[in-house]
Each structure stands twice: as C-alpha cells, then as structure tokens.
Amino acid sequence: MGTEAIDPQSIRNVTIIGHPDETTRVIHRLHRRFGKAGSGTTTTIRWTTGRVEHTIRVTELSSHAPIADLERSIRVADGVIAVVHAAATSAPRLETILRVADDHQVARLCLITGLEHPAATFDRHVRKITDIRGAVPVPLQLPIGIGTDFEGVIDLASMWALGPLAAEILGSHWKVAEQHYRSLIETVTAQALDASRDPRDVEVDELHHRIRCLTRIGDVVPVLCSAAPTTDDTTSLLDAIARYLPSPLDVCQPEHALDY
C-alpha cells in the first residue's frame, strides 16, 4: 500500500500552550469530535477549509514548563495558539509566550476560554495583548454575553456573509458587532472606513488573506472565543488555524521542518 502524498502548503504544525487544564480541554474536544484516542502529545486532524483539505498537527505544551522548554518549543513551531482563561486575574505566561513568539517571528493566535465563568472578562484580556509589544490583537469573534450570561459566540466574518439578515438575527448585539467588524476591517486594511461605506464592500476572501498575511509576519494576533463547554464545536478554531497560520514552506527559520 502506497504512502499518501501531502502538499506541504496544506500542512499546519501548531503548538497549543496554556494552563494544562485549559489546553487539555481543547485537545479533548478535538479527540471527541474526531473520535481519536487521547494518547501521545500530538493530535493529527484532516480538516477542509475553502475546499482545501489541510493536515493539522496540534502539539500540547503546558505553560508551566520551564522557560527554556517553552522558548525552544515556540521557536521550532510553525504557529502557536496561546490559551488563556477568561477569569484569570493575571497571565504572566501568556505575556511570555507572545513575547517569545514575537522574538522568533512565530505566528500566533489567542484562544480565550471559560467565558461562561462568573468572573470572566473578554476586553481585559484583549487589552493585555495590546500591552505586549509586537502585535495588535484582532478579535475575530465576540462573546454573546459574559459570565453567567454567556450565550454563545459571534463570528464577525461569517456574520457579514449573512447580509441584511445579520442585524435581525443578532438583535441587540448588532451595533456592538458592527462596530467591532468595522474596527477589524480598518486594522487589517490600514484604511479607515467612511461612515457611509458598507463594510461588506471588503470581500470575505480578501479579509482572510489580509489577516493571514499580517498574522504570518507577526503584526496581528487573531483572538478567538472558545465555545460553551456543553459543545465540542471546534470549527472556528480549525478554520482559523488553516486560514491564518503558516505552512512549513512559509516559515523561514532553518530549524523548522515539514514533520515533527
């Protein structure tokens, strides 16, 4: 039986780093959704985004690991996902992770979990990323409610694909979502939108392309919201990995390889 050829451009080697409880929950969601056993440190998933099948390899690493181990793992990763709990009052290791990734020009995403926790906040963690040199946080999703009022997640790009129905579906959340979407467009296009201009004038494919380019060079950190713990939905996370994080061929550091 022959070995299946994989296009290197469709490979995503990702290291997910955070508190062990949080990263383990993310990995378990992936295992449950794809029916995988929970053995080993790397999870391999086939995922189709934009009609292209990707091979995503996710390696879990505790943020409690020694700094030297964290730095080495980040340095050789093609992309990093920093996981932070929404109720955390301080996240010094998040700062370390993002700074090391910036030092070594490693693309990164940030996943905020625990939005249903009574002490959860969202904006505070986005501001924390702002305070770390090297990148601008770009929320691609917003929580609907927070803490005990958490109801779900608004995906900003998908929202605008709904057209005029978006305002009707989102109801009272529409104005805030529209404001954040305009900010997203202005950040990734470096062009302020006139108040009369419809943000839908920017094509979704163009938006994805701009986010990917800026993420790869470390200018932005896309910020995602984890779904409620009652669901194993990881669609947005996997789409973001495939769309925005680099393939091994995109990474210039000589220590990077096609396989772990």
C-alpha atoms as a PDB file:
ATOM      1  CA  MET A   1       0.000   0.000   0.000  1.00  0.00           C
ATOM      2  CA  GLY A   2       1.464   3.366  -1.090  1.00  0.00           C
ATOM      3  CA  THR A   3       2.047   6.386   1.101  1.00  0.00           C
ATOM      4  CA  GLU A   4      -0.354   9.251   0.523  1.00  0.00           C
ATOM      5  CA  ALA A   5       1.341  12.411  -0.701  1.00  0.00           C
ATOM      6  CA  ILE A   6       0.537  15.569   1.262  1.00  0.00           C
ATOM      7  CA  ASP A   7       1.012  19.034  -0.196  1.00  0.00           C
ATOM      8  CA  PRO A   8       3.316  20.850   2.262  1.00  0.00           C
ATOM      9  CA  GLN A   9       1.314  24.038   1.731  1.00  0.00           C
ATOM     10  CA  SER A  10      -1.681  22.319   3.328  1.00  0.00           C
ATOM     11  CA  ILE A  11       0.226  21.315   6.499  1.00  0.00           C
ATOM     12  CA  ARG A  12      -0.168  23.239   9.744  1.00  0.00           C
ATOM     13  CA  ASN A  13       2.160  22.349  12.624  1.00  0.00           C
ATOM     14  CA  VAL A  14       0.746  24.071  15.684  1.00  0.00           C
ATOM     15  CA  THR A  15       1.783  24.183  19.342  1.00  0.00           C
ATOM     16  CA  ILE A  16      -1.035  24.963  21.776  1.00  0.00           C
ATOM     17  CA  ILE A  17       0.249  26.481  25.015  1.00  0.00           C
ATOM     18  CA  GLY A  18      -1.537  27.442  28.207  1.00  0.00           C
ATOM     19  CA  HIS A  19      -2.570  26.205  31.628  1.00  0.00           C
ATOM     20  CA  PRO A  20      -2.742  22.377  31.442  1.00  0.00           C
ATOM     21  CA  ASP A  21      -6.436  22.354  32.401  1.00  0.00           C
ATOM     22  CA  GLU A  22      -7.311  24.674  29.514  1.00  0.00           C
ATOM     23  CA  THR A  23      -5.154  23.108  26.807  1.00  0.00           C
ATOM     24  CA  THR A  24      -6.331  19.628  27.829  1.00  0.00           C
ATOM     25  CA  ARG A  25      -9.965  20.701  27.428  1.00  0.00           C
ATOM     26  CA  VAL A  26      -9.256  21.932  23.911  1.00  0.00           C
ATOM     27  CA  ILE A  27      -7.433  18.729  22.976  1.00  0.00           C
ATOM     28  CA  HIS A  28     -10.204  16.585  24.466  1.00  0.00           C
ATOM     29  CA  ARG A  29     -12.754  18.446  22.372  1.00  0.00           C
ATOM     30  CA  LEU A  30     -10.753  17.626  19.268  1.00  0.00           C
ATOM     31  CA  HIS A  31     -10.474  13.981  20.318  1.00  0.00           C
ATOM     32  CA  ARG A  32     -14.197  13.670  21.000  1.00  0.00           C
ATOM     33  CA  ARG A  33     -15.184  15.371  17.784  1.00  0.00           C
ATOM     34  CA  PHE A  34     -12.903  13.308  15.568  1.00  0.00           C
ATOM     35  CA  GLY A  35     -13.093  10.075  17.538  1.00  0.00           C
ATOM     36  CA  LYS A  36      -9.424   9.986  18.381  1.00  0.00           C
ATOM     37  CA  ALA A  37      -7.763   8.296  21.326  1.00  0.00           C
ATOM     38  CA  GLY A  38      -6.175  10.562  23.898  1.00  0.00           C
ATOM     39  CA  SER A  39      -2.669   9.109  23.710  1.00  0.00           C
ATOM     40  CA  GLY A  40       0.502  10.857  22.652  1.00  0.00           C
ATOM     41  CA  THR A  41       1.369  14.529  22.654  1.00  0.00           C
ATOM     42  CA  THR A  42       0.435  15.307  19.024  1.00  0.00           C
ATOM     43  CA  THR A  43      -3.052  15.163  17.541  1.00  0.00           C
ATOM     44  CA  THR A  44      -3.331  14.954  13.739  1.00  0.00           C
ATOM     45  CA  ILE A  45      -6.533  16.089  12.073  1.00  0.00           C
ATOM     46  CA  ARG A  46      -7.674  16.320   8.477  1.00  0.00           C
ATOM     47  CA  TRP A  47      -9.715  19.480   8.039  1.00  0.00           C
ATOM     48  CA  THR A  48     -11.210  21.087   4.925  1.00  0.00           C
ATOM     49  CA  THR A  49     -11.409  24.873   4.687  1.00  0.00           C
ATOM     50  CA  GLY A  50     -12.097  26.733   1.461  1.00  0.00           C
ATOM     51  CA  ARG A  51     -12.409  23.422  -0.414  1.00  0.00           C
ATOM     52  CA  VAL A  52      -8.793  22.569   0.503  1.00  0.00           C
ATOM     53  CA  GLU A  53      -8.027  19.645   2.815  1.00  0.00           C
ATOM     54  CA  HIS A  54      -5.427  20.502   5.436  1.00  0.00           C
ATOM     55  CA  THR A  55      -3.352  18.282   7.695  1.00  0.00           C
ATOM     56  CA  ILE A  56      -3.280  19.939  11.102  1.00  0.00           C
ATOM     57  CA  ARG A  57      -0.882  18.615  13.736  1.00  0.00           C
ATOM     58  CA  VAL A  58      -1.522  20.025  17.201  1.00  0.00           C
ATOM     59  CA  THR A  59       1.042  19.557  19.962  1.00  0.00           C
ATOM     60  CA  GLU A  60       0.086  20.425  23.545  1.00  0.00           C
ATOM     61  CA  LEU A  61       2.536  22.177  25.868  1.00  0.00           C
ATOM     62  CA  SER A  62       1.923  23.345  29.432  1.00  0.00           C
ATOM     63  CA  SER A  63       2.670  26.991  30.136  1.00  0.00           C
ATOM     64  CA  HIS A  64       4.074  25.702  33.456  1.00  0.00           C
ATOM     65  CA  ALA A  65       7.003  24.135  31.582  1.00  0.00           C
ATOM     66  CA  PRO A  66      10.436  25.639  32.233  1.00  0.00           C
ATOM     67  CA  ILE A  67      11.040  28.848  30.319  1.00  0.00           C
ATOM     68  CA  ALA A  68      13.845  27.214  28.331  1.00  0.00           C
ATOM     69  CA  ASP A  69      11.491  24.434  27.178  1.00  0.00           C
ATOM     70  CA  LEU A  70       8.787  26.934  26.303  1.00  0.00           C
ATOM     71  CA  GLU A  71      11.192  29.007  24.279  1.00  0.00           C
ATOM     72  CA  ARG A  72      12.551  26.027  22.378  1.00  0.00           C
ATOM     73  CA  SER A  73       9.077  24.666  21.596  1.00  0.00           C
ATOM     74  CA  ILE A  74       7.844  28.038  20.406  1.00  0.00           C
ATOM     75  CA  ARG A  75      10.974  28.633  18.339  1.00  0.00           C
ATOM     76  CA  VAL A  76      10.554  25.416  16.335  1.00  0.00           C
ATOM     77  CA  ALA A  77       6.769  25.708  15.947  1.00  0.00           C
ATOM     78  CA  ASP A  78       5.283  26.905  12.685  1.00  0.00           C
ATOM     79  CA  GLY A  79       2.461  28.536  14.650  1.00  0.00           C
ATOM     80  CA  VAL A  80       1.380  28.951  18.270  1.00  0.00           C
ATOM     81  CA  ILE A  81      -2.041  29.067  19.917  1.00  0.00           C
ATOM     82  CA  ALA A  82      -1.911  30.807  23.293  1.00  0.00           C
ATOM     83  CA  VAL A  83      -4.823  29.703  25.503  1.00  0.00           C
ATOM     84  CA  VAL A  84      -5.974  31.904  28.370  1.00  0.00           C
ATOM     85  CA  HIS A  85      -8.911  31.507  30.740  1.00  0.00           C
ATOM     86  CA  ALA A  86     -11.304  34.460  30.715  1.00  0.00           C
ATOM     87  CA  ALA A  87     -11.456  34.551  34.523  1.00  0.00           C
ATOM     88  CA  ALA A  88      -7.684  34.643  35.041  1.00  0.00           C
ATOM     89  CA  THR A  89      -6.722  37.746  37.001  1.00  0.00           C
ATOM     90  CA  SER A  90      -3.161  37.620  35.706  1.00  0.00           C
ATOM     91  CA  ALA A  91      -1.493  35.776  32.866  1.00  0.00           C
ATOM     92  CA  PRO A  92       2.278  36.327  33.056  1.00  0.00           C
ATOM     93  CA  ARG A  93       2.973  33.226  30.999  1.00  0.00           C
ATOM     94  CA  LEU A  94       0.681  34.491  28.227  1.00  0.00           C
ATOM     95  CA  GLU A  95       2.915  37.532  28.029  1.00  0.00           C
ATOM     96  CA  THR A  96       5.995  35.297  27.942  1.00  0.00           C
ATOM     97  CA  ILE A  97       4.522  33.107  25.194  1.00  0.00           C
ATOM     98  CA  LEU A  98       3.596  36.043  22.986  1.00  0.00           C
ATOM     99  CA  ARG A  99       6.915  37.806  23.567  1.00  0.00           C
ATOM    100  CA  VAL A 100       8.957  34.701  22.732  1.00  0.00           C
ATOM    101  CA  ALA A 101       6.829  34.118  19.624  1.00  0.00           C
ATOM    102  CA  ASP A 102       7.432  37.720  18.630  1.00  0.00           C
ATOM    103  CA  ASP A 103      11.195  37.413  19.215  1.00  0.00           C
ATOM    104  CA  HIS A 104      11.352  34.387  16.906  1.00  0.00           C
ATOM    105  CA  GLN A 105       8.789  35.685  14.400  1.00  0.00           C
ATOM    106  CA  VAL A 106       6.383  32.818  15.056  1.00  0.00           C
ATOM    107  CA  ALA A 107       2.773  33.423  14.016  1.00  0.00           C
ATOM    108  CA  ARG A 108       0.265  33.097  16.837  1.00  0.00           C
ATOM    109  CA  LEU A 109      -3.420  33.022  17.655  1.00  0.00           C
ATOM    110  CA  CYS A 110      -5.017  33.599  21.057  1.00  0.00           C
ATOM    111  CA  LEU A 111      -7.942  31.469  22.273  1.00  0.00           C
ATOM    112  CA  ILE A 112      -9.939  32.774  25.242  1.00  0.00           C
ATOM    113  CA  THR A 113     -11.713  30.002  27.149  1.00  0.00           C
ATOM    114  CA  GLY A 114     -14.000  29.904  30.188  1.00  0.00           C
ATOM    115  CA  LEU A 115     -16.260  32.738  29.014  1.00  0.00           C
ATOM    116  CA  GLU A 116     -19.109  31.168  30.980  1.00  0.00           C
ATOM    117  CA  HIS A 117     -17.237  31.572  34.296  1.00  0.00           C
ATOM    118  CA  PRO A 118     -18.891  34.107  36.684  1.00  0.00           C
ATOM    119  CA  ALA A 119     -15.656  36.139  36.878  1.00  0.00           C
ATOM    120  CA  ALA A 120     -14.952  36.041  33.133  1.00  0.00           C
ATOM    121  CA  THR A 121     -13.954  39.110  31.142  1.00  0.00           C
ATOM    122  CA  PHE A 122     -13.108  39.439  27.462  1.00  0.00           C
ATOM    123  CA  ASP A 123     -11.974  43.004  26.822  1.00  0.00           C
ATOM    124  CA  ARG A 124      -9.434  42.900  29.665  1.00  0.00           C
ATOM    125  CA  HIS A 125      -7.530  40.049  28.009  1.00  0.00           C
ATOM    126  CA  VAL A 126      -7.633  41.769  24.629  1.00  0.00           C
ATOM    127  CA  ARG A 127      -6.110  44.844  26.297  1.00  0.00           C
ATOM    128  CA  LYS A 128      -3.398  42.647  27.840  1.00  0.00           C
ATOM    129  CA  ILE A 129      -2.336  41.537  24.380  1.00  0.00           C
ATOM    130  CA  THR A 130      -2.301  45.201  23.340  1.00  0.00           C
ATOM    131  CA  ASP A 131       0.183  45.912  26.127  1.00  0.00           C
ATOM    132  CA  ILE A 132       2.599  43.279  24.815  1.00  0.00           C
ATOM    133  CA  ARG A 133       4.945  44.588  22.173  1.00  0.00           C
ATOM    134  CA  GLY A 134       4.992  43.214  18.658  1.00  0.00           C
ATOM    135  CA  ALA A 135       1.384  42.755  17.582  1.00  0.00           C
ATOM    136  CA  VAL A 136      -2.120  44.192  17.549  1.00  0.00           C
ATOM    137  CA  PRO A 137      -4.903  41.935  18.881  1.00  0.00           C
ATOM    138  CA  VAL A 138      -7.629  41.377  16.286  1.00  0.00           C
ATOM    139  CA  PRO A 139     -10.809  39.874  17.776  1.00  0.00           C
ATOM    140  CA  LEU A 140     -12.378  37.703  15.085  1.00  0.00           C
ATOM    141  CA  GLN A 141     -15.152  36.631  17.433  1.00  0.00           C
ATOM    142  CA  LEU A 142     -17.147  38.225  20.226  1.00  0.00           C
ATOM    143  CA  PRO A 143     -18.900  36.551  23.149  1.00  0.00           C
ATOM    144  CA  ILE A 144     -22.666  36.967  23.336  1.00  0.00           C
ATOM    145  CA  GLY A 145     -22.962  37.883  26.984  1.00  0.00           C
ATOM    146  CA  ILE A 146     -20.253  37.075  29.502  1.00  0.00           C
ATOM    147  CA  GLY A 147     -20.029  35.054  32.696  1.00  0.00           C
ATOM    148  CA  THR A 148     -23.374  33.608  33.748  1.00  0.00           C
ATOM    149  CA  ASP A 149     -24.977  35.485  30.813  1.00  0.00           C
ATOM    150  CA  PHE A 150     -22.730  33.811  28.213  1.00  0.00           C
ATOM    151  CA  GLU A 151     -24.921  32.513  25.373  1.00  0.00           C
ATOM    152  CA  GLY A 152     -22.544  31.855  22.517  1.00  0.00           C
ATOM    153  CA  VAL A 153     -20.121  33.434  20.070  1.00  0.00           C
ATOM    154  CA  ILE A 154     -20.461  35.867  17.167  1.00  0.00           C
ATOM    155  CA  ASP A 155     -18.087  35.119  14.292  1.00  0.00           C
ATOM    156  CA  LEU A 156     -17.588  38.526  12.708  1.00  0.00           C
ATOM    157  CA  ALA A 157     -16.654  37.446   9.165  1.00  0.00           C
ATOM    158  CA  SER A 158     -19.420  34.852   8.955  1.00  0.00           C
ATOM    159  CA  MET A 159     -21.886  37.397  10.334  1.00  0.00           C
ATOM    160  CA  TRP A 160     -21.360  39.750   7.413  1.00  0.00           C
ATOM    161  CA  ALA A 161     -21.840  36.918   4.952  1.00  0.00           C
ATOM    162  CA  LEU A 162     -25.461  36.825   6.161  1.00  0.00           C
ATOM    163  CA  GLY A 163     -26.076  40.270   4.710  1.00  0.00           C
ATOM    164  CA  PRO A 164     -29.107  42.222   5.990  1.00  0.00           C
ATOM    165  CA  LEU A 165     -30.259  39.173   7.982  1.00  0.00           C
ATOM    166  CA  ALA A 166     -27.358  39.660  10.405  1.00  0.00           C
ATOM    167  CA  ALA A 167     -28.981  42.646  12.127  1.00  0.00           C
ATOM    168  CA  GLU A 168     -32.224  40.754  12.555  1.00  0.00           C
ATOM    169  CA  ILE A 169     -30.519  37.620  13.907  1.00  0.00           C
ATOM    170  CA  LEU A 170     -28.204  39.443  16.329  1.00  0.00           C
ATOM    171  CA  GLY A 171     -30.845  41.844  17.599  1.00  0.00           C
ATOM    172  CA  SER A 172     -29.467  43.971  20.458  1.00  0.00           C
ATOM    173  CA  HIS A 173     -25.938  42.660  19.821  1.00  0.00           C
ATOM    174  CA  TRP A 174     -25.885  44.047  16.282  1.00  0.00           C
ATOM    175  CA  LYS A 175     -24.468  47.525  16.989  1.00  0.00           C
ATOM    176  CA  VAL A 176     -21.523  46.217  19.017  1.00  0.00           C
ATOM    177  CA  ALA A 177     -20.791  43.528  16.406  1.00  0.00           C
ATOM    178  CA  GLU A 178     -20.918  46.100  13.606  1.00  0.00           C
ATOM    179  CA  GLN A 179     -18.534  48.377  15.473  1.00  0.00           C
ATOM    180  CA  HIS A 180     -16.025  45.551  16.032  1.00  0.00           C
ATOM    181  CA  TYR A 181     -16.308  44.439  12.411  1.00  0.00           C
ATOM    182  CA  ARG A 182     -15.530  47.951  11.182  1.00  0.00           C
ATOM    183  CA  SER A 183     -12.540  48.046  13.536  1.00  0.00           C
ATOM    184  CA  LEU A 184     -11.397  44.670  12.186  1.00  0.00           C
ATOM    185  CA  ILE A 185     -11.584  45.904   8.592  1.00  0.00           C
ATOM    186  CA  GLU A 186      -9.746  49.120   9.415  1.00  0.00           C
ATOM    187  CA  THR A 187      -6.984  47.257  11.284  1.00  0.00           C
ATOM    188  CA  VAL A 188      -6.220  44.694   8.600  1.00  0.00           C
ATOM    189  CA  THR A 189      -6.582  47.062   5.630  1.00  0.00           C
ATOM    190  CA  ALA A 190      -4.887  50.032   7.356  1.00  0.00           C
ATOM    191  CA  GLN A 191      -7.667  52.167   5.917  1.00  0.00           C
ATOM    192  CA  ALA A 192     -10.379  53.960   7.869  1.00  0.00           C
ATOM    193  CA  LEU A 193     -13.911  53.281   6.667  1.00  0.00           C
ATOM    194  CA  ASP A 194     -16.083  56.233   5.845  1.00  0.00           C
ATOM    195  CA  ALA A 195     -19.268  56.168   7.922  1.00  0.00           C
ATOM    196  CA  SER A 196     -21.288  55.804   4.725  1.00  0.00           C
ATOM    197  CA  ARG A 197     -19.277  52.890   3.399  1.00  0.00           C
ATOM    198  CA  ASP A 198     -20.647  49.394   3.862  1.00  0.00           C
ATOM    199  CA  PRO A 199     -18.002  47.079   5.390  1.00  0.00           C
ATOM    200  CA  ARG A 200     -19.356  44.369   3.087  1.00  0.00           C
ATOM    201  CA  ASP A 201     -17.515  46.187   0.288  1.00  0.00           C
ATOM    202  CA  VAL A 202     -14.454  44.289   1.560  1.00  0.00           C
ATOM    203  CA  GLU A 203     -14.747  40.732   0.230  1.00  0.00           C
ATOM    204  CA  VAL A 204     -14.501  37.929   2.803  1.00  0.00           C
ATOM    205  CA  ASP A 205     -11.689  36.231   0.851  1.00  0.00           C
ATOM    206  CA  GLU A 206      -9.743  39.489   0.845  1.00  0.00           C
ATOM    207  CA  LEU A 207     -10.308  39.823   4.585  1.00  0.00           C
ATOM    208  CA  HIS A 208      -8.991  36.299   5.233  1.00  0.00           C
ATOM    209  CA  HIS A 209      -5.984  36.998   3.005  1.00  0.00           C
ATOM    210  CA  ARG A 210      -5.093  40.211   4.831  1.00  0.00           C
ATOM    211  CA  ILE A 211      -5.417  38.575   8.268  1.00  0.00           C
ATOM    212  CA  ARG A 212      -3.231  35.669   7.124  1.00  0.00           C
ATOM    213  CA  CYS A 213      -0.507  37.983   5.773  1.00  0.00           C
ATOM    214  CA  LEU A 214      -0.422  40.123   8.918  1.00  0.00           C
ATOM    215  CA  THR A 215      -0.510  37.082  11.218  1.00  0.00           C
ATOM    216  CA  ARG A 216       2.372  35.418   9.389  1.00  0.00           C
ATOM    217  CA  ILE A 217       4.628  38.458   9.796  1.00  0.00           C
ATOM    218  CA  GLY A 218       3.579  38.960  13.419  1.00  0.00           C
ATOM    219  CA  ASP A 219       1.780  42.280  13.047  1.00  0.00           C
ATOM    220  CA  VAL A 220      -1.521  40.973  14.424  1.00  0.00           C
ATOM    221  CA  VAL A 221      -2.726  38.310  16.854  1.00  0.00           C
ATOM    222  CA  PRO A 222      -6.175  36.971  15.893  1.00  0.00           C
ATOM    223  CA  VAL A 223      -8.293  36.454  19.025  1.00  0.00           C
ATOM    224  CA  LEU A 224     -10.890  33.664  19.166  1.00  0.00           C
ATOM    225  CA  CYS A 225     -13.545  32.729  21.718  1.00  0.00           C
ATOM    226  CA  SER A 226     -13.950  29.150  22.865  1.00  0.00           C
ATOM    227  CA  ALA A 227     -17.455  27.725  22.531  1.00  0.00           C
ATOM    228  CA  ALA A 228     -19.541  26.800  25.560  1.00  0.00           C
ATOM    229  CA  PRO A 229     -18.307  23.683  27.409  1.00  0.00           C
ATOM    230  CA  THR A 230     -21.540  21.869  26.505  1.00  0.00           C
ATOM    231  CA  THR A 231     -20.445  21.613  22.870  1.00  0.00           C
ATOM    232  CA  ASP A 232     -17.467  20.085  21.089  1.00  0.00           C
ATOM    233  CA  ASP A 233     -17.597  22.677  18.322  1.00  0.00           C
ATOM    234  CA  THR A 234     -14.045  23.463  17.220  1.00  0.00           C
ATOM    235  CA  THR A 235     -14.922  24.615  13.693  1.00  0.00           C
ATOM    236  CA  SER A 236     -13.832  28.239  14.156  1.00  0.00           C
ATOM    237  CA  LEU A 237     -10.527  27.235  15.745  1.00  0.00           C
ATOM    238  CA  LEU A 238      -9.652  24.768  12.985  1.00  0.00           C
ATOM    239  CA  ASP A 239     -10.725  27.214  10.274  1.00  0.00           C
ATOM    240  CA  ALA A 240      -8.506  29.895  11.823  1.00  0.00           C
ATOM    241  CA  ILE A 241      -5.523  27.525  12.002  1.00  0.00           C
ATOM    242  CA  ALA A 242      -5.926  26.587   8.340  1.00  0.00           C
ATOM    243  CA  ARG A 243      -6.617  30.119   7.126  1.00  0.00           C
ATOM    244  CA  TYR A 244      -4.181  32.224   9.109  1.00  0.00           C
ATOM    245  CA  LEU A 245      -1.246  30.157  10.399  1.00  0.00           C
ATOM    246  CA  PRO A 246       1.625  29.367   8.032  1.00  0.00           C
ATOM    247  CA  SER A 247       2.574  26.141   6.343  1.00  0.00           C
ATOM    248  CA  PRO A 248       6.126  24.809   6.803  1.00  0.00           C
ATOM    249  CA  LEU A 249       7.013  26.312   3.424  1.00  0.00           C
ATOM    250  CA  ASP A 250       6.000  29.757   4.652  1.00  0.00           C
ATOM    251  CA  VAL A 251       8.356  29.617   7.624  1.00  0.00           C
ATOM    252  CA  CYS A 252      11.865  30.908   7.078  1.00  0.00           C
ATOM    253  CA  GLN A 253      13.696  29.668  10.156  1.00  0.00           C
ATOM    254  CA  PRO A 254      16.033  26.805   9.162  1.00  0.00           C
ATOM    255  CA  GLU A 255      15.205  24.762  12.279  1.00  0.00           C
ATOM    256  CA  HIS A 256      11.602  24.298  11.124  1.00  0.00           C
ATOM    257  CA  ALA A 257      10.820  21.019   9.405  1.00  0.00           C
ATOM    258  CA  LEU A 258       7.920  19.511   7.453  1.00  0.00           C
ATOM    259  CA  ASP A 259       7.265  16.993  10.214  1.00  0.00           C
ATOM    260  CA  TYR A 260       7.664  16.913  13.953  1.00  0.00           C
END
